[in-house]
Amino acid sequence: MSKIVLVTGGSRSGKSVLAENKAFEYGDGSVLYLATAIATDDDMKERIRMHQARRDARWDTHEGFKDIPQALMNTEKTTALLDCITVFITNYMFDEERDFDKITKDEIHELENMILDKLRIIVETARREEKNLIMVTNEVGMCLVSPYRMSRIFSDINGKANELLASLSDEVYLSVCGIPMKLK
């Protein structure tokens, strides 16, 4: 039986390393790494390089955020590591041109529902394909509320996504200062 695992924490909290360790544990080398990051600047390129350097040579990598269900269906790997949900959300927020200062509540609701539906489909696909799925996400709701509307919209969508994924997961971990805590 497959497992759905959510790993959350703040920036540089050790969540990706924890998720990679879970992938080793559940995948025994049979892992598909689902990389959602887009190299937009030198800082992001360095983050991507660090993640790539830690990956096991036996792992396959799929880069992209739009076709994750298809990647899950087309792999023979038993475990998938999706890193990360937060970047996945950001990618969809900026996939189309939007003026976040003028976007309506209905448009925000439509965007949020679209993202939540896509995440639901990823989890449903992993279960149907009997794949272990380990997802990494950022906990962004433990800080001050941003004065910028776009940041508040992002934070709200990310929070709803984390709630949804935690409810659909068999295990949920929070990483703080590199220390994992099992929540579920």
N, C-alpha and C. Protein backbone atom coordinates (compact mmCIF):
# COMPACT_ATOMS: atom_id res chain seq x y z
N MET A 1 0.84 -1.18 0.00
CA MET A 1 0.00 0.00 0.00
C MET A 1 0.88 1.25 0.00
N SER A 2 0.54 2.19 -0.82
CA SER A 2 1.33 3.41 -0.94
C SER A 2 1.09 4.35 0.23
N LYS A 3 2.06 5.24 0.44
CA LYS A 3 1.95 6.25 1.50
C LYS A 3 2.03 7.63 0.87
N ILE A 4 1.24 8.54 1.42
CA ILE A 4 1.30 9.94 1.05
C ILE A 4 1.87 10.67 2.26
N VAL A 5 2.96 11.40 2.04
CA VAL A 5 3.67 12.06 3.14
C VAL A 5 3.85 13.54 2.79
N LEU A 6 3.54 14.40 3.76
CA LEU A 6 3.75 15.84 3.60
C LEU A 6 4.82 16.27 4.59
N VAL A 7 5.81 17.00 4.09
CA VAL A 7 6.89 17.54 4.94
C VAL A 7 6.84 19.06 4.80
N THR A 8 6.69 19.73 5.93
CA THR A 8 6.61 21.19 5.93
C THR A 8 7.62 21.78 6.90
N GLY A 9 7.83 23.06 6.77
CA GLY A 9 8.74 23.78 7.64
C GLY A 9 9.07 25.11 7.01
N GLY A 10 9.82 25.91 7.71
CA GLY A 10 10.23 27.21 7.20
C GLY A 10 11.37 27.07 6.20
N SER A 11 11.77 28.20 5.68
CA SER A 11 12.88 28.24 4.75
C SER A 11 14.16 27.75 5.43
N ARG A 12 14.88 26.87 4.75
CA ARG A 12 16.15 26.31 5.26
C ARG A 12 15.98 25.60 6.60
N SER A 13 14.84 24.94 6.78
CA SER A 13 14.55 24.26 8.04
C SER A 13 14.97 22.79 8.05
N GLY A 14 15.42 22.29 6.90
CA GLY A 14 15.79 20.89 6.80
C GLY A 14 14.69 20.01 6.21
N LYS A 15 13.64 20.63 5.69
CA LYS A 15 12.51 19.85 5.19
C LYS A 15 12.85 19.03 3.95
N SER A 16 13.66 19.57 3.04
CA SER A 16 14.01 18.80 1.83
C SER A 16 14.88 17.61 2.18
N VAL A 17 15.82 17.78 3.09
CA VAL A 17 16.67 16.66 3.52
C VAL A 17 15.81 15.59 4.20
N LEU A 18 14.86 16.01 5.04
CA LEU A 18 13.95 15.06 5.68
C LEU A 18 13.15 14.30 4.62
N ALA A 19 12.63 15.02 3.63
CA ALA A 19 11.86 14.38 2.56
C ALA A 19 12.74 13.42 1.76
N GLU A 20 13.97 13.81 1.48
CA GLU A 20 14.89 12.92 0.76
C GLU A 20 15.16 11.66 1.56
N ASN A 21 15.31 11.79 2.87
CA ASN A 21 15.51 10.61 3.72
C ASN A 21 14.29 9.70 3.70
N LYS A 22 13.09 10.29 3.70
CA LYS A 22 11.86 9.50 3.58
C LYS A 22 11.81 8.80 2.23
N ALA A 23 12.26 9.48 1.18
CA ALA A 23 12.27 8.86 -0.15
C ALA A 23 13.21 7.66 -0.16
N PHE A 24 14.38 7.78 0.49
CA PHE A 24 15.28 6.62 0.60
C PHE A 24 14.60 5.49 1.36
N GLU A 25 13.94 5.84 2.44
CA GLU A 25 13.27 4.84 3.29
C GLU A 25 12.17 4.11 2.53
N TYR A 26 11.29 4.85 1.87
CA TYR A 26 10.15 4.23 1.20
C TYR A 26 10.47 3.74 -0.21
N GLY A 27 11.42 4.39 -0.87
CA GLY A 27 11.70 4.07 -2.26
C GLY A 27 12.83 3.10 -2.48
N ASP A 28 13.68 2.92 -1.48
CA ASP A 28 14.82 2.01 -1.59
C ASP A 28 15.55 2.18 -2.92
N GLY A 29 15.77 3.45 -3.29
CA GLY A 29 16.48 3.74 -4.54
C GLY A 29 15.58 3.92 -5.73
N SER A 30 14.33 3.47 -5.64
CA SER A 30 13.38 3.58 -6.74
C SER A 30 12.57 4.86 -6.59
N VAL A 31 13.20 5.99 -6.92
CA VAL A 31 12.59 7.29 -6.66
C VAL A 31 12.54 8.14 -7.94
N LEU A 32 11.41 8.80 -8.13
CA LEU A 32 11.26 9.81 -9.16
C LEU A 32 11.21 11.16 -8.44
N TYR A 33 12.17 12.02 -8.72
CA TYR A 33 12.24 13.35 -8.13
C TYR A 33 11.47 14.31 -9.04
N LEU A 34 10.41 14.90 -8.51
CA LEU A 34 9.57 15.83 -9.26
C LEU A 34 9.99 17.25 -8.87
N ALA A 35 10.78 17.86 -9.72
CA ALA A 35 11.37 19.18 -9.44
C ALA A 35 10.50 20.26 -10.07
N THR A 36 10.00 21.17 -9.23
CA THR A 36 9.10 22.21 -9.73
C THR A 36 9.77 23.55 -9.93
N ALA A 37 11.01 23.69 -9.48
CA ALA A 37 11.68 25.00 -9.53
C ALA A 37 12.05 25.40 -10.95
N ILE A 38 11.98 26.68 -11.18
CA ILE A 38 12.41 27.28 -12.44
C ILE A 38 13.58 28.21 -12.10
N ALA A 39 14.67 28.08 -12.83
CA ALA A 39 15.87 28.88 -12.56
C ALA A 39 15.66 30.30 -13.08
N THR A 40 15.14 31.16 -12.22
CA THR A 40 14.81 32.53 -12.62
C THR A 40 15.95 33.52 -12.38
N ASP A 41 16.87 33.18 -11.48
CA ASP A 41 17.99 34.07 -11.19
C ASP A 41 19.13 33.24 -10.60
N ASP A 42 20.26 33.88 -10.30
CA ASP A 42 21.42 33.14 -9.80
C ASP A 42 21.16 32.47 -8.46
N ASP A 43 20.39 33.12 -7.59
CA ASP A 43 20.08 32.52 -6.29
C ASP A 43 19.29 31.22 -6.46
N MET A 44 18.30 31.26 -7.35
CA MET A 44 17.50 30.05 -7.57
C MET A 44 18.34 28.97 -8.26
N LYS A 45 19.21 29.37 -9.15
CA LYS A 45 20.11 28.39 -9.79
C LYS A 45 20.97 27.69 -8.74
N GLU A 46 21.43 28.43 -7.75
CA GLU A 46 22.26 27.84 -6.68
C GLU A 46 21.43 26.89 -5.82
N ARG A 47 20.20 27.25 -5.51
CA ARG A 47 19.33 26.36 -4.73
C ARG A 47 19.10 25.05 -5.50
N ILE A 48 18.83 25.18 -6.79
CA ILE A 48 18.60 23.99 -7.62
C ILE A 48 19.86 23.13 -7.65
N ARG A 49 21.03 23.75 -7.81
CA ARG A 49 22.29 23.00 -7.83
C ARG A 49 22.49 22.23 -6.54
N MET A 50 22.21 22.85 -5.40
CA MET A 50 22.37 22.17 -4.11
C MET A 50 21.45 20.96 -4.00
N HIS A 51 20.22 21.10 -4.46
CA HIS A 51 19.28 19.99 -4.42
C HIS A 51 19.74 18.87 -5.36
N GLN A 52 20.21 19.23 -6.53
CA GLN A 52 20.68 18.22 -7.49
C GLN A 52 21.87 17.45 -6.93
N ALA A 53 22.76 18.14 -6.24
CA ALA A 53 23.98 17.50 -5.71
C ALA A 53 23.64 16.44 -4.66
N ARG A 54 22.53 16.61 -3.96
CA ARG A 54 22.15 15.65 -2.91
C ARG A 54 21.42 14.43 -3.46
N ARG A 55 20.93 14.49 -4.67
CA ARG A 55 20.11 13.39 -5.21
C ARG A 55 20.94 12.14 -5.45
N ASP A 56 20.34 11.03 -5.15
CA ASP A 56 20.93 9.73 -5.40
C ASP A 56 21.04 9.51 -6.91
N ALA A 57 22.13 8.94 -7.36
CA ALA A 57 22.36 8.72 -8.80
C ALA A 57 21.33 7.78 -9.40
N ARG A 58 20.70 6.94 -8.58
CA ARG A 58 19.69 5.99 -9.08
C ARG A 58 18.34 6.65 -9.31
N TRP A 59 18.16 7.86 -8.81
CA TRP A 59 16.87 8.53 -8.93
C TRP A 59 16.69 9.11 -10.33
N ASP A 60 15.48 9.06 -10.81
CA ASP A 60 15.11 9.77 -12.04
C ASP A 60 14.60 11.15 -11.65
N THR A 61 14.74 12.09 -12.55
CA THR A 61 14.24 13.44 -12.28
C THR A 61 13.28 13.86 -13.39
N HIS A 62 12.18 14.44 -12.97
CA HIS A 62 11.22 15.05 -13.89
C HIS A 62 11.15 16.53 -13.52
N GLU A 63 11.46 17.40 -14.46
CA GLU A 63 11.41 18.84 -14.20
C GLU A 63 10.16 19.41 -14.84
N GLY A 64 9.35 20.07 -14.03
CA GLY A 64 8.12 20.68 -14.52
C GLY A 64 7.05 20.66 -13.45
N PHE A 65 6.02 21.45 -13.67
CA PHE A 65 4.95 21.51 -12.68
C PHE A 65 3.58 21.24 -13.27
N LYS A 66 3.44 21.25 -14.57
CA LYS A 66 2.12 21.08 -15.19
C LYS A 66 1.74 19.63 -15.46
N ASP A 67 2.70 18.76 -15.58
CA ASP A 67 2.41 17.39 -16.00
C ASP A 67 2.82 16.35 -14.95
N ILE A 68 2.69 16.70 -13.69
CA ILE A 68 3.09 15.79 -12.61
C ILE A 68 2.24 14.51 -12.61
N PRO A 69 0.91 14.58 -12.77
CA PRO A 69 0.15 13.31 -12.81
C PRO A 69 0.63 12.36 -13.91
N GLN A 70 0.93 12.92 -15.08
CA GLN A 70 1.43 12.08 -16.18
C GLN A 70 2.78 11.46 -15.82
N ALA A 71 3.64 12.24 -15.17
CA ALA A 71 4.95 11.71 -14.76
C ALA A 71 4.76 10.56 -13.77
N LEU A 72 3.80 10.67 -12.87
CA LEU A 72 3.52 9.59 -11.92
C LEU A 72 3.01 8.35 -12.64
N MET A 73 2.20 8.54 -13.66
CA MET A 73 1.64 7.40 -14.40
C MET A 73 2.68 6.74 -15.29
N ASN A 74 3.67 7.50 -15.74
CA ASN A 74 4.62 6.97 -16.71
C ASN A 74 5.92 6.43 -16.12
N THR A 75 6.06 6.49 -14.80
CA THR A 75 7.30 6.00 -14.20
C THR A 75 7.11 4.61 -13.60
N GLU A 76 8.19 3.85 -13.63
CA GLU A 76 8.19 2.56 -12.96
C GLU A 76 8.70 2.69 -11.53
N LYS A 77 9.17 3.87 -11.16
CA LYS A 77 9.66 4.12 -9.81
C LYS A 77 8.50 3.97 -8.82
N THR A 78 8.79 3.46 -7.64
CA THR A 78 7.73 3.20 -6.65
C THR A 78 7.45 4.39 -5.75
N THR A 79 8.37 5.35 -5.73
CA THR A 79 8.24 6.51 -4.85
C THR A 79 8.54 7.77 -5.63
N ALA A 80 7.75 8.81 -5.35
CA ALA A 80 7.98 10.11 -5.97
C ALA A 80 8.17 11.14 -4.87
N LEU A 81 9.13 12.02 -5.08
CA LEU A 81 9.41 13.13 -4.17
C LEU A 81 9.13 14.43 -4.91
N LEU A 82 8.12 15.15 -4.49
CA LEU A 82 7.71 16.39 -5.13
C LEU A 82 8.26 17.56 -4.31
N ASP A 83 9.22 18.27 -4.87
CA ASP A 83 9.87 19.39 -4.18
C ASP A 83 9.86 20.59 -5.10
N CYS A 84 9.00 21.59 -4.92
CA CYS A 84 8.16 21.72 -3.75
C CYS A 84 6.81 22.32 -4.12
N ILE A 85 5.86 22.14 -3.22
CA ILE A 85 4.50 22.63 -3.41
C ILE A 85 4.47 24.15 -3.47
N THR A 86 5.25 24.80 -2.65
CA THR A 86 5.26 26.26 -2.61
C THR A 86 5.68 26.85 -3.96
N VAL A 87 6.69 26.27 -4.56
CA VAL A 87 7.13 26.73 -5.88
C VAL A 87 6.08 26.37 -6.93
N PHE A 88 5.46 25.20 -6.79
CA PHE A 88 4.36 24.78 -7.66
C PHE A 88 3.27 25.85 -7.68
N ILE A 89 2.88 26.31 -6.48
CA ILE A 89 1.84 27.34 -6.36
C ILE A 89 2.30 28.64 -7.02
N THR A 90 3.52 29.05 -6.74
CA THR A 90 4.06 30.28 -7.33
C THR A 90 4.07 30.19 -8.85
N ASN A 91 4.48 29.04 -9.37
CA ASN A 91 4.50 28.86 -10.82
C ASN A 91 3.12 29.08 -11.43
N TYR A 92 2.08 28.52 -10.79
CA TYR A 92 0.72 28.70 -11.32
C TYR A 92 0.24 30.14 -11.14
N MET A 93 0.63 30.79 -10.05
CA MET A 93 0.22 32.18 -9.86
C MET A 93 0.76 33.08 -10.97
N PHE A 94 1.98 32.77 -11.46
CA PHE A 94 2.61 33.62 -12.47
C PHE A 94 2.58 33.01 -13.86
N ASP A 95 1.88 31.89 -14.02
CA ASP A 95 1.80 31.23 -15.32
C ASP A 95 1.05 32.10 -16.33
N GLU A 96 0.09 32.84 -15.84
CA GLU A 96 -0.63 33.80 -16.68
C GLU A 96 -0.39 35.18 -16.10
N GLU A 97 -0.49 36.17 -16.96
CA GLU A 97 -0.28 37.54 -16.47
C GLU A 97 -1.49 37.97 -15.63
N ARG A 98 -1.21 38.36 -14.40
CA ARG A 98 -2.25 38.83 -13.49
C ARG A 98 -1.75 40.09 -12.79
N ASP A 99 -2.65 41.01 -12.57
CA ASP A 99 -2.33 42.19 -11.77
C ASP A 99 -2.86 41.91 -10.37
N PHE A 100 -1.98 41.51 -9.47
CA PHE A 100 -2.40 41.10 -8.14
C PHE A 100 -2.88 42.27 -7.28
N ASP A 101 -2.63 43.49 -7.71
CA ASP A 101 -3.17 44.63 -6.99
C ASP A 101 -4.63 44.90 -7.39
N LYS A 102 -5.04 44.39 -8.55
CA LYS A 102 -6.39 44.66 -9.05
C LYS A 102 -7.24 43.40 -9.19
N ILE A 103 -6.66 42.24 -8.93
CA ILE A 103 -7.40 40.99 -9.09
C ILE A 103 -8.62 40.98 -8.16
N THR A 104 -9.74 40.46 -8.66
CA THR A 104 -10.98 40.44 -7.86
C THR A 104 -11.00 39.23 -6.92
N LYS A 105 -11.89 39.28 -5.94
CA LYS A 105 -12.04 38.15 -5.02
C LYS A 105 -12.46 36.90 -5.77
N ASP A 106 -13.32 37.06 -6.77
CA ASP A 106 -13.75 35.90 -7.57
C ASP A 106 -12.57 35.30 -8.34
N GLU A 107 -11.71 36.15 -8.90
CA GLU A 107 -10.53 35.66 -9.63
C GLU A 107 -9.56 34.97 -8.68
N ILE A 108 -9.40 35.49 -7.47
CA ILE A 108 -8.54 34.83 -6.48
C ILE A 108 -9.12 33.47 -6.12
N HIS A 109 -10.42 33.42 -5.90
CA HIS A 109 -11.08 32.16 -5.57
C HIS A 109 -10.92 31.14 -6.69
N GLU A 110 -11.06 31.60 -7.93
CA GLU A 110 -10.89 30.72 -9.10
C GLU A 110 -9.45 30.19 -9.18
N LEU A 111 -8.48 31.05 -8.96
CA LEU A 111 -7.07 30.65 -8.97
C LEU A 111 -6.80 29.63 -7.86
N GLU A 112 -7.27 29.93 -6.66
CA GLU A 112 -7.08 29.02 -5.53
C GLU A 112 -7.70 27.65 -5.81
N ASN A 113 -8.94 27.64 -6.31
CA ASN A 113 -9.61 26.36 -6.60
C ASN A 113 -8.87 25.57 -7.67
N MET A 114 -8.37 26.26 -8.69
CA MET A 114 -7.63 25.58 -9.75
C MET A 114 -6.38 24.90 -9.17
N ILE A 115 -5.64 25.63 -8.33
CA ILE A 115 -4.43 25.07 -7.72
C ILE A 115 -4.77 23.90 -6.81
N LEU A 116 -5.80 24.05 -5.98
CA LEU A 116 -6.20 22.96 -5.08
C LEU A 116 -6.65 21.74 -5.85
N ASP A 117 -7.38 21.94 -6.95
CA ASP A 117 -7.80 20.81 -7.80
C ASP A 117 -6.59 20.08 -8.37
N LYS A 118 -5.59 20.82 -8.82
CA LYS A 118 -4.39 20.19 -9.39
C LYS A 118 -3.65 19.39 -8.32
N LEU A 119 -3.58 19.90 -7.11
CA LEU A 119 -2.93 19.17 -6.02
C LEU A 119 -3.71 17.91 -5.65
N ARG A 120 -5.02 18.03 -5.62
CA ARG A 120 -5.87 16.87 -5.33
C ARG A 120 -5.64 15.77 -6.37
N ILE A 121 -5.56 16.17 -7.62
CA ILE A 121 -5.35 15.20 -8.72
C ILE A 121 -3.99 14.52 -8.57
N ILE A 122 -2.97 15.25 -8.16
CA ILE A 122 -1.64 14.65 -7.96
C ILE A 122 -1.72 13.55 -6.90
N VAL A 123 -2.36 13.85 -5.78
CA VAL A 123 -2.47 12.85 -4.70
C VAL A 123 -3.33 11.67 -5.16
N GLU A 124 -4.45 11.94 -5.82
CA GLU A 124 -5.31 10.86 -6.31
C GLU A 124 -4.56 9.97 -7.30
N THR A 125 -3.76 10.58 -8.16
CA THR A 125 -2.98 9.81 -9.14
C THR A 125 -1.96 8.92 -8.44
N ALA A 126 -1.27 9.46 -7.45
CA ALA A 126 -0.29 8.65 -6.70
C ALA A 126 -0.97 7.46 -6.04
N ARG A 127 -2.12 7.68 -5.44
CA ARG A 127 -2.85 6.56 -4.80
C ARG A 127 -3.30 5.53 -5.83
N ARG A 128 -3.87 6.00 -6.92
CA ARG A 128 -4.36 5.09 -7.96
C ARG A 128 -3.21 4.27 -8.57
N GLU A 129 -2.05 4.93 -8.76
CA GLU A 129 -0.89 4.26 -9.36
C GLU A 129 -0.07 3.50 -8.32
N GLU A 130 -0.54 3.53 -7.06
CA GLU A 130 0.12 2.83 -5.95
C GLU A 130 1.58 3.28 -5.79
N LYS A 131 1.77 4.59 -5.83
CA LYS A 131 3.09 5.20 -5.64
C LYS A 131 3.14 5.86 -4.26
N ASN A 132 4.26 5.73 -3.59
CA ASN A 132 4.51 6.56 -2.42
C ASN A 132 4.76 7.96 -2.95
N LEU A 133 4.18 8.96 -2.28
CA LEU A 133 4.37 10.34 -2.69
C LEU A 133 4.78 11.15 -1.47
N ILE A 134 5.94 11.75 -1.56
CA ILE A 134 6.45 12.62 -0.50
C ILE A 134 6.48 14.03 -1.06
N MET A 135 5.78 14.94 -0.38
CA MET A 135 5.67 16.31 -0.86
C MET A 135 6.32 17.26 0.14
N VAL A 136 7.05 18.23 -0.37
CA VAL A 136 7.69 19.25 0.44
C VAL A 136 6.93 20.56 0.24
N THR A 137 6.66 21.24 1.35
CA THR A 137 5.99 22.54 1.27
C THR A 137 6.54 23.46 2.35
N ASN A 138 6.38 24.74 2.14
CA ASN A 138 6.81 25.72 3.14
C ASN A 138 5.65 26.10 4.04
N GLU A 139 5.93 26.25 5.30
CA GLU A 139 4.95 26.80 6.24
C GLU A 139 5.18 28.30 6.25
N VAL A 140 4.29 29.04 5.59
CA VAL A 140 4.48 30.49 5.47
C VAL A 140 3.52 31.27 6.36
N GLY A 141 2.68 30.58 7.09
CA GLY A 141 1.66 31.25 7.89
C GLY A 141 2.09 31.60 9.30
N MET A 142 3.36 31.45 9.63
CA MET A 142 3.81 31.72 10.99
C MET A 142 4.59 33.03 11.09
N CYS A 143 4.34 33.92 10.15
CA CYS A 143 5.07 35.18 10.15
C CYS A 143 4.08 36.33 10.11
N LEU A 144 4.58 37.53 10.05
CA LEU A 144 3.71 38.70 9.96
C LEU A 144 2.93 38.68 8.66
N VAL A 145 1.75 39.27 8.68
CA VAL A 145 0.96 39.40 7.47
C VAL A 145 1.63 40.48 6.61
N SER A 146 1.87 40.13 5.36
CA SER A 146 2.57 41.05 4.44
C SER A 146 1.74 42.29 4.14
N PRO A 147 2.40 43.42 3.96
CA PRO A 147 1.67 44.61 3.54
C PRO A 147 1.32 44.58 2.04
N TYR A 148 1.85 43.60 1.31
CA TYR A 148 1.65 43.51 -0.13
C TYR A 148 0.55 42.51 -0.45
N ARG A 149 -0.39 42.92 -1.27
CA ARG A 149 -1.55 42.08 -1.58
C ARG A 149 -1.15 40.76 -2.22
N MET A 150 -0.22 40.81 -3.17
CA MET A 150 0.21 39.57 -3.84
C MET A 150 0.75 38.57 -2.82
N SER A 151 1.53 39.02 -1.88
CA SER A 151 2.09 38.13 -0.86
C SER A 151 0.99 37.55 0.03
N ARG A 152 -0.01 38.36 0.35
CA ARG A 152 -1.13 37.86 1.17
C ARG A 152 -1.93 36.81 0.40
N ILE A 153 -2.15 37.05 -0.89
CA ILE A 153 -2.86 36.07 -1.73
C ILE A 153 -2.07 34.77 -1.77
N PHE A 154 -0.76 34.88 -2.01
CA PHE A 154 0.09 33.69 -2.04
C PHE A 154 0.03 32.93 -0.71
N SER A 155 0.18 33.65 0.39
CA SER A 155 0.18 33.03 1.70
C SER A 155 -1.14 32.31 1.98
N ASP A 156 -2.24 32.94 1.60
CA ASP A 156 -3.56 32.33 1.81
C ASP A 156 -3.72 31.06 0.97
N ILE A 157 -3.32 31.11 -0.29
CA ILE A 157 -3.42 29.93 -1.14
C ILE A 157 -2.51 28.82 -0.63
N ASN A 158 -1.29 29.18 -0.24
CA ASN A 158 -0.36 28.18 0.28
C ASN A 158 -0.92 27.53 1.55
N GLY A 159 -1.51 28.34 2.42
CA GLY A 159 -2.10 27.80 3.64
C GLY A 159 -3.23 26.82 3.35
N LYS A 160 -4.11 27.18 2.42
CA LYS A 160 -5.21 26.28 2.03
C LYS A 160 -4.65 24.99 1.40
N ALA A 161 -3.62 25.13 0.58
CA ALA A 161 -3.00 23.96 -0.04
C ALA A 161 -2.40 23.05 1.02
N ASN A 162 -1.71 23.63 1.99
CA ASN A 162 -1.11 22.82 3.06
C ASN A 162 -2.19 22.11 3.87
N GLU A 163 -3.29 22.81 4.17
CA GLU A 163 -4.40 22.16 4.88
C GLU A 163 -4.93 20.97 4.09
N LEU A 164 -5.17 21.19 2.80
CA LEU A 164 -5.69 20.11 1.95
C LEU A 164 -4.72 18.93 1.93
N LEU A 165 -3.45 19.20 1.66
CA LEU A 165 -2.48 18.11 1.54
C LEU A 165 -2.29 17.38 2.86
N ALA A 166 -2.31 18.09 3.97
CA ALA A 166 -2.21 17.43 5.28
C ALA A 166 -3.40 16.51 5.50
N SER A 167 -4.59 16.95 5.09
CA SER A 167 -5.78 16.10 5.27
C SER A 167 -5.73 14.86 4.39
N LEU A 168 -5.06 14.94 3.26
CA LEU A 168 -4.98 13.80 2.33
C LEU A 168 -3.77 12.89 2.61
N SER A 169 -2.89 13.32 3.50
CA SER A 169 -1.65 12.59 3.75
C SER A 169 -1.80 11.58 4.88
N ASP A 170 -1.02 10.50 4.75
CA ASP A 170 -0.97 9.49 5.80
C ASP A 170 -0.04 9.92 6.93
N GLU A 171 1.01 10.64 6.57
CA GLU A 171 1.98 11.14 7.53
C GLU A 171 2.26 12.60 7.22
N VAL A 172 2.45 13.41 8.28
CA VAL A 172 2.81 14.82 8.12
C VAL A 172 3.94 15.11 9.11
N TYR A 173 4.99 15.74 8.59
CA TYR A 173 6.15 16.10 9.41
C TYR A 173 6.39 17.60 9.32
N LEU A 174 6.84 18.16 10.44
CA LEU A 174 7.28 19.55 10.50
C LEU A 174 8.76 19.53 10.85
N SER A 175 9.56 20.22 10.05
CA SER A 175 10.99 20.31 10.32
C SER A 175 11.30 21.70 10.86
N VAL A 176 11.93 21.74 12.04
CA VAL A 176 12.32 23.00 12.66
C VAL A 176 13.78 22.87 13.07
N CYS A 177 14.63 23.76 12.59
CA CYS A 177 16.07 23.74 12.91
C CYS A 177 16.69 22.38 12.58
N GLY A 178 16.20 21.75 11.51
CA GLY A 178 16.73 20.45 11.11
C GLY A 178 16.21 19.29 11.93
N ILE A 179 15.28 19.56 12.85
CA ILE A 179 14.74 18.51 13.72
C ILE A 179 13.32 18.17 13.22
N PRO A 180 13.09 16.91 12.83
CA PRO A 180 11.76 16.53 12.35
C PRO A 180 10.81 16.23 13.52
N MET A 181 9.60 16.67 13.37
CA MET A 181 8.54 16.36 14.34
C MET A 181 7.38 15.76 13.58
N LYS A 182 6.96 14.57 13.98
CA LYS A 182 5.81 13.93 13.32
C LYS A 182 4.54 14.53 13.89
N LEU A 183 3.70 15.07 12.99
CA LEU A 183 2.43 15.66 13.39
C LEU A 183 1.27 14.70 13.19
N LYS A 184 1.41 13.83 12.22
CA LYS A 184 0.33 12.88 11.89
C LYS A 184 0.94 11.59 11.41
